[in-house]
Amino acid sequence: MPQTSSSSQAPQPAAAPSPADVPSSAESLPQQGTSPAPAQPEAVLTAAQKALRSSKPARPPEEADRKNKKLKDVEISFPIVYGTISFWLGKKASEYNSHKWTVYVRSATNEDLSAIVNRVVFQLHPSFTNPTRVVEQPPFELSESGWGEFEIAITLYFHSDVCEKRLDLFHQLKLYPEEDTGPQSTKKPVVVETYNEIVFPEPTEAFFQRVQNHPAATVPRLPPGIMMPPPGPMEFVPREKKRGDTKDHPLSQWFLNFSEADELLKLAAARQQVQAHIAKLRRQLSMMDGMPQQSKAVSVQGQPFGHG
């Protein structure tokens, strides 16, 4: 059994005030023939009355509609990377605790993902204590120790104005290096990462405005006829509180580099291999079609087939 460390549970929302706590219109008006009741001091006001006093006016309907309006023929994409980095414990390794590892979701450019991601849920092997781990702020990761390899389910939940659906990812934890990469080392970890792009079609205007200058987002130009108000001034937030990127992450030296250009090169190379294979098969077929009828009983490899 792997050794684990428990994590704190997400806080539960406070219960809403019951209807009995809210004063009705009959209670708030003095009856005829009686003197009005003296005003209640602030200390004895109920929670519902305080909420009514401090409530703000609702947004105008047209502003709310604009925030929820979908932008047709527009797509916003975020390149992400998810994976694991595992270290062998060397002399400190035991039968049931041989490796320390970290599973994570990060931006492919190590920028802050909290602009779109609300929380990430990691589903570990059932043998772990509290196998469902919820991470609600960046960096979206967790570290554990153990001895076995297994599949980790990673679920991304987005902000309400980004996407209502969740995104399910799956990653195979790998602790041991391949044979051609040498023996285990306490200094060189085993790194396995997967590159992907999250595409959000028809984003809301609020989402578009919030991420149009985000360094990790791929935001296209708006189609003709769509007018957007300029983004408002950014609220000043201290750097240490605002930044949620992974550029200075302790494991950043082991992160793999991914780029759109690299992916295009890989796709082009794969396409060339497929085309070369198709051309080879066509040549073999044309040679078989040009053979005499008797020689067609022999395969391309020269092995006879047909009647036994």
C-alpha atoms as a PDB file:
ATOM      1  CA  MET A   1       0.000   0.000   0.000  1.00  0.00           C
ATOM      2  CA  PRO A   2       1.403   3.439  -0.877  1.00  0.00           C
ATOM      3  CA  GLN A   3       2.010   6.011   1.804  1.00  0.00           C
ATOM      4  CA  THR A   4      -0.159   9.067   1.475  1.00  0.00           C
ATOM      5  CA  SER A   5      -0.856  12.407   3.076  1.00  0.00           C
ATOM      6  CA  SER A   6      -4.394  13.658   3.511  1.00  0.00           C
ATOM      7  CA  SER A   7      -5.605  16.952   2.076  1.00  0.00           C
ATOM      8  CA  SER A   8      -8.163  19.401   3.423  1.00  0.00           C
ATOM      9  CA  GLN A   9     -11.732  19.327   2.211  1.00  0.00           C
ATOM     10  CA  ALA A  10     -13.272  22.196   0.255  1.00  0.00           C
ATOM     11  CA  PRO A  11     -15.297  24.559   2.469  1.00  0.00           C
ATOM     12  CA  GLN A  12     -19.070  24.178   2.324  1.00  0.00           C
ATOM     13  CA  PRO A  13     -21.199  27.222   1.405  1.00  0.00           C
ATOM     14  CA  ALA A  14     -23.093  28.866   4.238  1.00  0.00           C
ATOM     15  CA  ALA A  15     -26.792  28.060   4.458  1.00  0.00           C
ATOM     16  CA  ALA A  16     -29.155  30.662   3.056  1.00  0.00           C
ATOM     17  CA  PRO A  17     -31.504  32.386   5.529  1.00  0.00           C
ATOM     18  CA  SER A  18     -34.866  30.666   5.873  1.00  0.00           C
ATOM     19  CA  PRO A  19     -38.080  32.454   4.790  1.00  0.00           C
ATOM     20  CA  ALA A  20     -39.054  32.804   8.443  1.00  0.00           C
ATOM     21  CA  ASP A  21     -36.121  35.158   9.018  1.00  0.00           C
ATOM     22  CA  VAL A  22     -37.322  37.602   6.341  1.00  0.00           C
ATOM     23  CA  PRO A  23     -39.942  40.040   7.664  1.00  0.00           C
ATOM     24  CA  SER A  24     -43.227  40.114   5.771  1.00  0.00           C
ATOM     25  CA  SER A  25     -44.933  43.328   4.649  1.00  0.00           C
ATOM     26  CA  ALA A  26     -47.549  42.989   7.404  1.00  0.00           C
ATOM     27  CA  GLU A  27     -44.896  42.855  10.095  1.00  0.00           C
ATOM     28  CA  SER A  28     -43.073  45.891   8.774  1.00  0.00           C
ATOM     29  CA  LEU A  29     -46.109  48.255   8.894  1.00  0.00           C
ATOM     30  CA  PRO A  30     -47.677  49.586  12.141  1.00  0.00           C
ATOM     31  CA  GLN A  31     -51.350  48.695  12.622  1.00  0.00           C
ATOM     32  CA  GLN A  32     -54.032  51.402  12.802  1.00  0.00           C
ATOM     33  CA  GLY A  33     -54.639  52.851  16.212  1.00  0.00           C
ATOM     34  CA  THR A  34     -51.257  51.957  17.597  1.00  0.00           C
ATOM     35  CA  SER A  35     -48.072  53.925  17.790  1.00  0.00           C
ATOM     36  CA  PRO A  36     -45.259  52.797  15.556  1.00  0.00           C
ATOM     37  CA  ALA A  37     -42.770  50.490  17.198  1.00  0.00           C
ATOM     38  CA  PRO A  38     -39.417  52.047  17.986  1.00  0.00           C
ATOM     39  CA  ALA A  39     -36.652  51.378  15.490  1.00  0.00           C
ATOM     40  CA  GLN A  40     -34.570  48.316  16.266  1.00  0.00           C
ATOM     41  CA  PRO A  41     -30.960  49.006  17.182  1.00  0.00           C
ATOM     42  CA  GLU A  42     -28.317  47.697  14.815  1.00  0.00           C
ATOM     43  CA  ALA A  43     -27.288  45.022  17.307  1.00  0.00           C
ATOM     44  CA  VAL A  44     -30.658  43.237  17.172  1.00  0.00           C
ATOM     45  CA  LEU A  45     -31.237  43.371  13.430  1.00  0.00           C
ATOM     46  CA  THR A  46     -31.631  39.921  11.950  1.00  0.00           C
ATOM     47  CA  ALA A  47     -29.221  38.631   9.331  1.00  0.00           C
ATOM     48  CA  ALA A  48     -31.918  38.881   6.671  1.00  0.00           C
ATOM     49  CA  GLN A  49     -32.634  42.545   7.518  1.00  0.00           C
ATOM     50  CA  LYS A  50     -28.934  43.390   7.334  1.00  0.00           C
ATOM     51  CA  ALA A  51     -28.714  41.670   3.965  1.00  0.00           C
ATOM     52  CA  LEU A  52     -31.676  43.686   2.689  1.00  0.00           C
ATOM     53  CA  ARG A  53     -30.077  46.928   3.900  1.00  0.00           C
ATOM     54  CA  SER A  54     -26.714  46.249   2.319  1.00  0.00           C
ATOM     55  CA  SER A  55     -27.967  44.696  -0.918  1.00  0.00           C
ATOM     56  CA  LYS A  56     -26.878  46.404  -4.099  1.00  0.00           C
ATOM     57  CA  PRO A  57     -29.170  47.195  -7.004  1.00  0.00           C
ATOM     58  CA  ALA A  58     -29.254  44.557  -9.700  1.00  0.00           C
ATOM     59  CA  ARG A  59     -27.484  45.074 -12.990  1.00  0.00           C
ATOM     60  CA  PRO A  60     -29.530  46.537 -15.793  1.00  0.00           C
ATOM     61  CA  PRO A  61     -30.996  43.775 -17.982  1.00  0.00           C
ATOM     62  CA  GLU A  62     -29.173  45.005 -21.077  1.00  0.00           C
ATOM     63  CA  GLU A  63     -25.791  44.783 -19.312  1.00  0.00           C
ATOM     64  CA  ALA A  64     -26.487  41.244 -18.122  1.00  0.00           C
ATOM     65  CA  ASP A  65     -27.565  40.247 -21.646  1.00  0.00           C
ATOM     66  CA  ARG A  66     -24.363  41.694 -23.080  1.00  0.00           C
ATOM     67  CA  LYS A  67     -22.228  39.751 -20.600  1.00  0.00           C
ATOM     68  CA  ASN A  68     -23.943  36.474 -21.539  1.00  0.00           C
ATOM     69  CA  LYS A  69     -24.100  37.151 -25.260  1.00  0.00           C
ATOM     70  CA  LYS A  70     -22.354  34.566 -27.412  1.00  0.00           C
ATOM     71  CA  LEU A  71     -19.876  35.610 -30.088  1.00  0.00           C
ATOM     72  CA  LYS A  72     -20.660  33.682 -33.255  1.00  0.00           C
ATOM     73  CA  ASP A  73     -17.851  32.334 -35.469  1.00  0.00           C
ATOM     74  CA  VAL A  74     -15.262  32.999 -32.726  1.00  0.00           C
ATOM     75  CA  GLU A  75     -13.018  30.460 -30.972  1.00  0.00           C
ATOM     76  CA  ILE A  76     -10.621  30.926 -28.077  1.00  0.00           C
ATOM     77  CA  SER A  77      -8.007  28.269 -27.386  1.00  0.00           C
ATOM     78  CA  PHE A  78      -5.668  27.602 -24.484  1.00  0.00           C
ATOM     79  CA  PRO A  79      -2.724  25.187 -24.935  1.00  0.00           C
ATOM     80  CA  ILE A  80      -2.219  23.077 -21.823  1.00  0.00           C
ATOM     81  CA  VAL A  81       0.125  20.338 -20.637  1.00  0.00           C
ATOM     82  CA  TYR A  82      -0.700  17.637 -18.119  1.00  0.00           C
ATOM     83  CA  GLY A  83       1.650  14.995 -16.788  1.00  0.00           C
ATOM     84  CA  THR A  84       3.765  13.612 -13.976  1.00  0.00           C
ATOM     85  CA  ILE A  85       7.323  13.928 -12.712  1.00  0.00           C
ATOM     86  CA  SER A  86       8.579  11.127 -10.471  1.00  0.00           C
ATOM     87  CA  PHE A  87      11.809  10.842  -8.461  1.00  0.00           C
ATOM     88  CA  TRP A  88      13.347   7.606  -7.188  1.00  0.00           C
ATOM     89  CA  LEU A  89      14.101   7.833  -3.463  1.00  0.00           C
ATOM     90  CA  GLY A  90      17.340   5.857  -3.738  1.00  0.00           C
ATOM     91  CA  LYS A  91      18.616   4.645  -0.359  1.00  0.00           C
ATOM     92  CA  LYS A  92      15.486   5.994   1.300  1.00  0.00           C
ATOM     93  CA  ALA A  93      13.277   3.793  -0.888  1.00  0.00           C
ATOM     94  CA  SER A  94      11.315   0.983   0.720  1.00  0.00           C
ATOM     95  CA  GLU A  95       9.117  -1.778  -0.618  1.00  0.00           C
ATOM     96  CA  TYR A  96       5.956   0.320  -0.446  1.00  0.00           C
ATOM     97  CA  ASN A  97       7.491   3.776  -0.782  1.00  0.00           C
ATOM     98  CA  SER A  98      10.022   3.872  -3.598  1.00  0.00           C
ATOM     99  CA  HIS A  99       9.158   7.091  -5.480  1.00  0.00           C
ATOM    100  CA  LYS A 100       7.928  10.612  -4.883  1.00  0.00           C
ATOM    101  CA  TRP A 101       5.879  12.068  -7.727  1.00  0.00           C
ATOM    102  CA  THR A 102       3.838  15.109  -8.738  1.00  0.00           C
ATOM    103  CA  VAL A 103       0.862  15.219 -11.102  1.00  0.00           C
ATOM    104  CA  TYR A 104      -0.154  18.573 -12.565  1.00  0.00           C
ATOM    105  CA  VAL A 105      -1.960  20.608 -15.190  1.00  0.00           C
ATOM    106  CA  ARG A 106      -0.149  23.685 -16.480  1.00  0.00           C
ATOM    107  CA  SER A 107      -0.205  26.128 -19.343  1.00  0.00           C
ATOM    108  CA  ALA A 108       2.025  25.072 -22.238  1.00  0.00           C
ATOM    109  CA  THR A 109       3.754  28.444 -21.855  1.00  0.00           C
ATOM    110  CA  ASN A 110       3.657  28.273 -18.027  1.00  0.00           C
ATOM    111  CA  GLU A 111       1.210  31.161 -17.792  1.00  0.00           C
ATOM    112  CA  ASP A 112      -1.605  31.404 -15.241  1.00  0.00           C
ATOM    113  CA  LEU A 113      -4.521  29.050 -15.974  1.00  0.00           C
ATOM    114  CA  SER A 114      -6.813  30.402 -13.268  1.00  0.00           C
ATOM    115  CA  ALA A 115      -8.315  32.785 -15.833  1.00  0.00           C
ATOM    116  CA  ILE A 116     -10.284  29.817 -17.194  1.00  0.00           C
ATOM    117  CA  VAL A 117      -9.891  26.983 -14.659  1.00  0.00           C
ATOM    118  CA  ASN A 118     -11.920  27.167 -11.463  1.00  0.00           C
ATOM    119  CA  ARG A 119     -10.683  23.916  -9.917  1.00  0.00           C
ATOM    120  CA  VAL A 120      -9.042  20.614 -10.819  1.00  0.00           C
ATOM    121  CA  VAL A 121      -9.971  17.218  -9.383  1.00  0.00           C
ATOM    122  CA  PHE A 122      -7.357  14.438  -9.357  1.00  0.00           C
ATOM    123  CA  GLN A 123      -8.682  10.890  -8.932  1.00  0.00           C
ATOM    124  CA  LEU A 124      -5.964   8.643  -7.537  1.00  0.00           C
ATOM    125  CA  HIS A 125      -5.875   4.874  -7.045  1.00  0.00           C
ATOM    126  CA  PRO A 126      -8.452   3.675  -4.478  1.00  0.00           C
ATOM    127  CA  SER A 127      -5.638   2.408  -2.234  1.00  0.00           C
ATOM    128  CA  PHE A 128      -4.732   6.008  -1.368  1.00  0.00           C
ATOM    129  CA  THR A 129      -6.285   7.735   1.610  1.00  0.00           C
ATOM    130  CA  ASN A 130      -8.792  10.275   0.292  1.00  0.00           C
ATOM    131  CA  PRO A 131      -8.208   9.328  -3.388  1.00  0.00           C
ATOM    132  CA  THR A 132     -10.305  12.253  -4.712  1.00  0.00           C
ATOM    133  CA  ARG A 133      -8.207  15.400  -4.387  1.00  0.00           C
ATOM    134  CA  VAL A 134      -9.602  18.860  -5.186  1.00  0.00           C
ATOM    135  CA  VAL A 135      -7.234  21.742  -5.999  1.00  0.00           C
ATOM    136  CA  GLU A 136      -8.949  25.129  -6.195  1.00  0.00           C
ATOM    137  CA  GLN A 137      -6.056  27.489  -6.930  1.00  0.00           C
ATOM    138  CA  PRO A 138      -2.878  27.421  -9.007  1.00  0.00           C
ATOM    139  CA  PRO A 139      -0.601  25.660  -9.344  1.00  0.00           C
ATOM    140  CA  PHE A 140      -3.061  22.872 -10.123  1.00  0.00           C
ATOM    141  CA  GLU A 141      -1.029  19.932  -8.858  1.00  0.00           C
ATOM    142  CA  LEU A 142      -0.538  17.463  -6.032  1.00  0.00           C
ATOM    143  CA  SER A 143       2.416  15.426  -4.782  1.00  0.00           C
ATOM    144  CA  GLU A 144       2.392  11.922  -3.362  1.00  0.00           C
ATOM    145  CA  SER A 145       4.681   8.964  -2.759  1.00  0.00           C
ATOM    146  CA  GLY A 146       4.268   5.251  -3.409  1.00  0.00           C
ATOM    147  CA  TRP A 147       5.554   2.291  -5.366  1.00  0.00           C
ATOM    148  CA  GLY A 148       3.007   1.468  -8.101  1.00  0.00           C
ATOM    149  CA  GLU A 149       2.003   2.881 -11.481  1.00  0.00           C
ATOM    150  CA  PHE A 150      -1.661   3.551 -12.269  1.00  0.00           C
ATOM    151  CA  GLU A 151      -3.953   5.770 -14.357  1.00  0.00           C
ATOM    152  CA  ILE A 152      -4.860   9.161 -12.884  1.00  0.00           C
ATOM    153  CA  ALA A 153      -8.140  10.801 -13.895  1.00  0.00           C
ATOM    154  CA  ILE A 154      -7.854  14.592 -14.143  1.00  0.00           C
ATOM    155  CA  THR A 155     -11.047  16.664 -14.355  1.00  0.00           C
ATOM    156  CA  LEU A 156     -10.988  20.380 -15.175  1.00  0.00           C
ATOM    157  CA  TYR A 157     -13.875  22.602 -14.067  1.00  0.00           C
ATOM    158  CA  PHE A 158     -14.093  26.034 -15.663  1.00  0.00           C
ATOM    159  CA  HIS A 159     -15.523  29.353 -14.534  1.00  0.00           C
ATOM    160  CA  SER A 160     -19.239  29.838 -15.178  1.00  0.00           C
ATOM    161  CA  ASP A 161     -18.710  32.385 -17.977  1.00  0.00           C
ATOM    162  CA  VAL A 162     -16.162  30.124 -19.711  1.00  0.00           C
ATOM    163  CA  CYS A 163     -17.828  26.743 -20.080  1.00  0.00           C
ATOM    164  CA  GLU A 164     -20.519  24.803 -18.238  1.00  0.00           C
ATOM    165  CA  LYS A 165     -19.087  21.417 -19.189  1.00  0.00           C
ATOM    166  CA  ARG A 166     -16.117  19.783 -17.531  1.00  0.00           C
ATOM    167  CA  LEU A 167     -13.093  18.330 -19.292  1.00  0.00           C
ATOM    168  CA  ASP A 168     -11.955  14.786 -18.401  1.00  0.00           C
ATOM    169  CA  LEU A 169      -8.317  13.847 -18.996  1.00  0.00           C
ATOM    170  CA  PHE A 170      -6.445  10.632 -18.218  1.00  0.00           C
ATOM    171  CA  HIS A 171      -2.749  10.210 -17.520  1.00  0.00           C
ATOM    172  CA  GLN A 172      -0.687   7.104 -16.829  1.00  0.00           C
ATOM    173  CA  LEU A 173       1.683   7.597 -13.913  1.00  0.00           C
ATOM    174  CA  LYS A 174       5.146   6.306 -14.811  1.00  0.00           C
ATOM    175  CA  LEU A 175       7.797   5.724 -12.152  1.00  0.00           C
ATOM    176  CA  TYR A 176      10.430   3.631 -13.902  1.00  0.00           C
ATOM    177  CA  PRO A 177      12.534   4.764 -16.885  1.00  0.00           C
ATOM    178  CA  GLU A 178      12.679   2.999 -20.213  1.00  0.00           C
ATOM    179  CA  GLU A 179      15.487   0.528 -20.762  1.00  0.00           C
ATOM    180  CA  ASP A 180      17.261   2.723 -23.301  1.00  0.00           C
ATOM    181  CA  THR A 181      17.339   5.740 -20.932  1.00  0.00           C
ATOM    182  CA  GLY A 182      19.546   4.090 -18.338  1.00  0.00           C
ATOM    183  CA  PRO A 183      19.012   2.986 -14.740  1.00  0.00           C
ATOM    184  CA  GLN A 184      17.061   4.809 -12.076  1.00  0.00           C
ATOM    185  CA  SER A 185      18.575   7.977 -10.662  1.00  0.00           C
ATOM    186  CA  THR A 186      17.704  10.168  -7.714  1.00  0.00           C
ATOM    187  CA  LYS A 187      18.755  13.260  -9.686  1.00  0.00           C
ATOM    188  CA  LYS A 188      17.107  12.628 -13.043  1.00  0.00           C
ATOM    189  CA  PRO A 189      13.324  12.131 -12.806  1.00  0.00           C
ATOM    190  CA  VAL A 190      10.973  10.277 -15.123  1.00  0.00           C
ATOM    191  CA  VAL A 191       8.910  12.886 -16.948  1.00  0.00           C
ATOM    192  CA  VAL A 192       5.781  12.095 -18.955  1.00  0.00           C
ATOM    193  CA  GLU A 193       3.724  14.983 -20.345  1.00  0.00           C
ATOM    194  CA  THR A 194       0.894  15.354 -22.844  1.00  0.00           C
ATOM    195  CA  TYR A 195       0.195  18.474 -24.895  1.00  0.00           C
ATOM    196  CA  ASN A 196      -3.375  19.464 -25.701  1.00  0.00           C
ATOM    197  CA  GLU A 197      -5.378  22.519 -26.701  1.00  0.00           C
ATOM    198  CA  ILE A 198      -8.700  23.462 -25.123  1.00  0.00           C
ATOM    199  CA  VAL A 199     -10.963  25.172 -27.645  1.00  0.00           C
ATOM    200  CA  PHE A 200     -13.925  27.279 -26.512  1.00  0.00           C
ATOM    201  CA  PRO A 201     -16.316  27.947 -29.433  1.00  0.00           C
ATOM    202  CA  GLU A 202     -18.708  30.895 -29.293  1.00  0.00           C
ATOM    203  CA  PRO A 203     -17.365  32.460 -26.077  1.00  0.00           C
ATOM    204  CA  THR A 204     -19.354  34.993 -24.112  1.00  0.00           C
ATOM    205  CA  GLU A 205     -18.439  38.655 -24.377  1.00  0.00           C
ATOM    206  CA  ALA A 206     -17.374  38.662 -20.719  1.00  0.00           C
ATOM    207  CA  PHE A 207     -14.992  35.751 -21.294  1.00  0.00           C
ATOM    208  CA  PHE A 208     -13.615  37.324 -24.475  1.00  0.00           C
ATOM    209  CA  GLN A 209     -12.922  40.647 -22.782  1.00  0.00           C
ATOM    210  CA  ARG A 210     -11.227  39.003 -19.811  1.00  0.00           C
ATOM    211  CA  VAL A 211      -8.738  36.919 -21.798  1.00  0.00           C
ATOM    212  CA  GLN A 212      -8.208  38.924 -24.984  1.00  0.00           C
ATOM    213  CA  ASN A 213      -4.849  40.130 -23.628  1.00  0.00           C
ATOM    214  CA  HIS A 214      -3.965  36.927 -21.772  1.00  0.00           C
ATOM    215  CA  PRO A 215      -0.483  35.716 -22.852  1.00  0.00           C
ATOM    216  CA  ALA A 216      -1.540  32.041 -22.908  1.00  0.00           C
ATOM    217  CA  ALA A 217      -4.751  32.515 -24.918  1.00  0.00           C
ATOM    218  CA  THR A 218      -5.090  32.322 -28.677  1.00  0.00           C
ATOM    219  CA  VAL A 219      -7.721  34.966 -29.388  1.00  0.00           C
ATOM    220  CA  PRO A 220      -8.685  35.701 -33.013  1.00  0.00           C
ATOM    221  CA  ARG A 221      -9.806  38.964 -34.471  1.00  0.00           C
ATOM    222  CA  LEU A 222     -13.515  39.568 -34.258  1.00  0.00           C
ATOM    223  CA  PRO A 223     -15.494  39.059 -37.489  1.00  0.00           C
ATOM    224  CA  PRO A 224     -16.744  42.188 -39.270  1.00  0.00           C
ATOM    225  CA  GLY A 225     -19.855  43.660 -37.719  1.00  0.00           C
ATOM    226  CA  ILE A 226     -19.085  42.611 -34.128  1.00  0.00           C
ATOM    227  CA  MET A 227     -18.268  45.580 -31.929  1.00  0.00           C
ATOM    228  CA  MET A 228     -16.838  45.186 -28.453  1.00  0.00           C
ATOM    229  CA  PRO A 229     -16.282  47.908 -25.862  1.00  0.00           C
ATOM    230  CA  PRO A 230     -12.624  48.384 -24.887  1.00  0.00           C
ATOM    231  CA  PRO A 231     -11.533  46.443 -21.799  1.00  0.00           C
ATOM    232  CA  GLY A 232     -11.705  48.362 -18.546  1.00  0.00           C
ATOM    233  CA  PRO A 233      -8.642  49.257 -16.495  1.00  0.00           C
ATOM    234  CA  MET A 234      -7.020  46.260 -14.798  1.00  0.00           C
ATOM    235  CA  GLU A 235      -7.298  46.179 -11.046  1.00  0.00           C
ATOM    236  CA  PHE A 236      -3.950  46.553  -9.316  1.00  0.00           C
ATOM    237  CA  VAL A 237      -2.999  43.351  -7.536  1.00  0.00           C
ATOM    238  CA  PRO A 238       0.400  42.725  -5.946  1.00  0.00           C
ATOM    239  CA  ARG A 239       2.571  40.419  -8.017  1.00  0.00           C
ATOM    240  CA  GLU A 240       2.868  37.712  -5.392  1.00  0.00           C
ATOM    241  CA  LYS A 241      -0.940  37.540  -5.069  1.00  0.00           C
ATOM    242  CA  LYS A 242      -1.834  37.861  -8.735  1.00  0.00           C
ATOM    243  CA  ARG A 243       0.639  35.551 -10.403  1.00  0.00           C
ATOM    244  CA  GLY A 244      -0.417  31.929 -10.760  1.00  0.00           C
ATOM    245  CA  ASP A 245       2.021  30.869 -13.453  1.00  0.00           C
ATOM    246  CA  THR A 246       4.569  28.057 -13.203  1.00  0.00           C
ATOM    247  CA  LYS A 247       7.593  29.872 -14.618  1.00  0.00           C
ATOM    248  CA  ASP A 248       9.431  29.749 -11.281  1.00  0.00           C
ATOM    249  CA  HIS A 249       8.096  26.334 -10.316  1.00  0.00           C
ATOM    250  CA  PRO A 250      10.622  24.116  -8.468  1.00  0.00           C
ATOM    251  CA  LEU A 251      10.153  21.445 -11.166  1.00  0.00           C
ATOM    252  CA  SER A 252      10.172  23.828 -14.139  1.00  0.00           C
ATOM    253  CA  GLN A 253      13.640  22.674 -15.243  1.00  0.00           C
ATOM    254  CA  TRP A 254      12.099  19.271 -16.056  1.00  0.00           C
ATOM    255  CA  PHE A 255       9.097  20.606 -17.970  1.00  0.00           C
ATOM    256  CA  LEU A 256       9.083  19.666 -21.638  1.00  0.00           C
ATOM    257  CA  ASN A 257       8.888  22.403 -24.252  1.00  0.00           C
ATOM    258  CA  PHE A 258       5.847  22.359 -26.493  1.00  0.00           C
ATOM    259  CA  SER A 259       4.963  24.780 -29.246  1.00  0.00           C
ATOM    260  CA  GLU A 260       2.576  24.982 -32.158  1.00  0.00           C
ATOM    261  CA  ALA A 261       5.518  24.945 -34.567  1.00  0.00           C
ATOM    262  CA  ASP A 262       6.788  21.661 -33.090  1.00  0.00           C
ATOM    263  CA  GLU A 263       3.352  20.105 -33.397  1.00  0.00           C
ATOM    264  CA  LEU A 264       3.074  21.213 -37.030  1.00  0.00           C
ATOM    265  CA  LEU A 265       6.482  19.708 -37.793  1.00  0.00           C
ATOM    266  CA  LYS A 266       5.457  16.408 -36.222  1.00  0.00           C
ATOM    267  CA  LEU A 267       2.211  16.383 -38.205  1.00  0.00           C
ATOM    268  CA  ALA A 268       4.078  17.151 -41.433  1.00  0.00           C
ATOM    269  CA  ALA A 269       6.581  14.346 -40.779  1.00  0.00           C
ATOM    270  CA  ALA A 270       3.786  11.883 -40.034  1.00  0.00           C
ATOM    271  CA  ARG A 271       1.934  12.941 -43.181  1.00  0.00           C
ATOM    272  CA  GLN A 272       5.073  12.342 -45.279  1.00  0.00           C
ATOM    273  CA  GLN A 273       5.486   8.856 -43.814  1.00  0.00           C
ATOM    274  CA  VAL A 274       1.875   7.992 -44.597  1.00  0.00           C
ATOM    275  CA  GLN A 275       2.171   9.302 -48.161  1.00  0.00           C
ATOM    276  CA  ALA A 276       5.410   7.369 -48.718  1.00  0.00           C
ATOM    277  CA  HIS A 277       3.773   4.181 -47.432  1.00  0.00           C
ATOM    278  CA  ILE A 278       0.748   4.699 -49.708  1.00  0.00           C
ATOM    279  CA  ALA A 279       3.039   5.254 -52.717  1.00  0.00           C
ATOM    280  CA  LYS A 280       4.934   2.045 -51.920  1.00  0.00           C
ATOM    281  CA  LEU A 281       1.721   0.032 -51.725  1.00  0.00           C
ATOM    282  CA  ARG A 282       0.510   1.493 -55.011  1.00  0.00           C
ATOM    283  CA  ARG A 283       3.758   0.456 -56.742  1.00  0.00           C
ATOM    284  CA  GLN A 284       3.412  -3.057 -55.396  1.00  0.00           C
ATOM    285  CA  LEU A 285      -0.201  -3.264 -56.568  1.00  0.00           C
ATOM    286  CA  SER A 286       0.689  -1.965 -60.035  1.00  0.00           C
ATOM    287  CA  MET A 287       3.459  -4.555 -60.314  1.00  0.00           C
ATOM    288  CA  MET A 288       1.038  -7.315 -59.360  1.00  0.00           C
ATOM    289  CA  ASP A 289      -1.489  -6.099 -61.939  1.00  0.00           C
ATOM    290  CA  GLY A 290       1.208  -6.224 -64.646  1.00  0.00           C
ATOM    291  CA  MET A 291       2.305  -9.792 -63.844  1.00  0.00           C
ATOM    292  CA  PRO A 292       1.204 -12.773 -65.977  1.00  0.00           C
ATOM    293  CA  GLN A 293      -1.800 -14.688 -64.672  1.00  0.00           C
ATOM    294  CA  GLN A 294       0.316 -17.634 -63.471  1.00  0.00           C
ATOM    295  CA  SER A 295       2.686 -15.495 -61.390  1.00  0.00           C
ATOM    296  CA  LYS A 296      -0.172 -13.902 -59.429  1.00  0.00           C
ATOM    297  CA  ALA A 297      -0.294 -17.032 -57.304  1.00  0.00           C
ATOM    298  CA  VAL A 298       2.891 -15.832 -55.602  1.00  0.00           C
ATOM    299  CA  SER A 299       2.748 -13.181 -52.896  1.00  0.00           C
ATOM    300  CA  VAL A 300       4.879 -10.047 -52.771  1.00  0.00           C
ATOM    301  CA  GLN A 301       7.172 -11.681 -50.212  1.00  0.00           C
ATOM    302  CA  GLY A 302       7.702 -14.689 -52.492  1.00  0.00           C
ATOM    303  CA  GLN A 303       5.745 -17.134 -50.328  1.00  0.00           C
ATOM    304  CA  PRO A 304       3.256 -19.345 -52.252  1.00  0.00           C
ATOM    305  CA  PHE A 305      -0.356 -19.288 -51.235  1.00  0.00           C
ATOM    306  CA  GLY A 306      -3.598 -20.686 -52.527  1.00  0.00           C
ATOM    307  CA  HIS A 307      -4.213 -24.415 -52.824  1.00  0.00           C
ATOM    308  CA  GLY A 308      -2.546 -26.632 -50.284  1.00  0.00           C
END
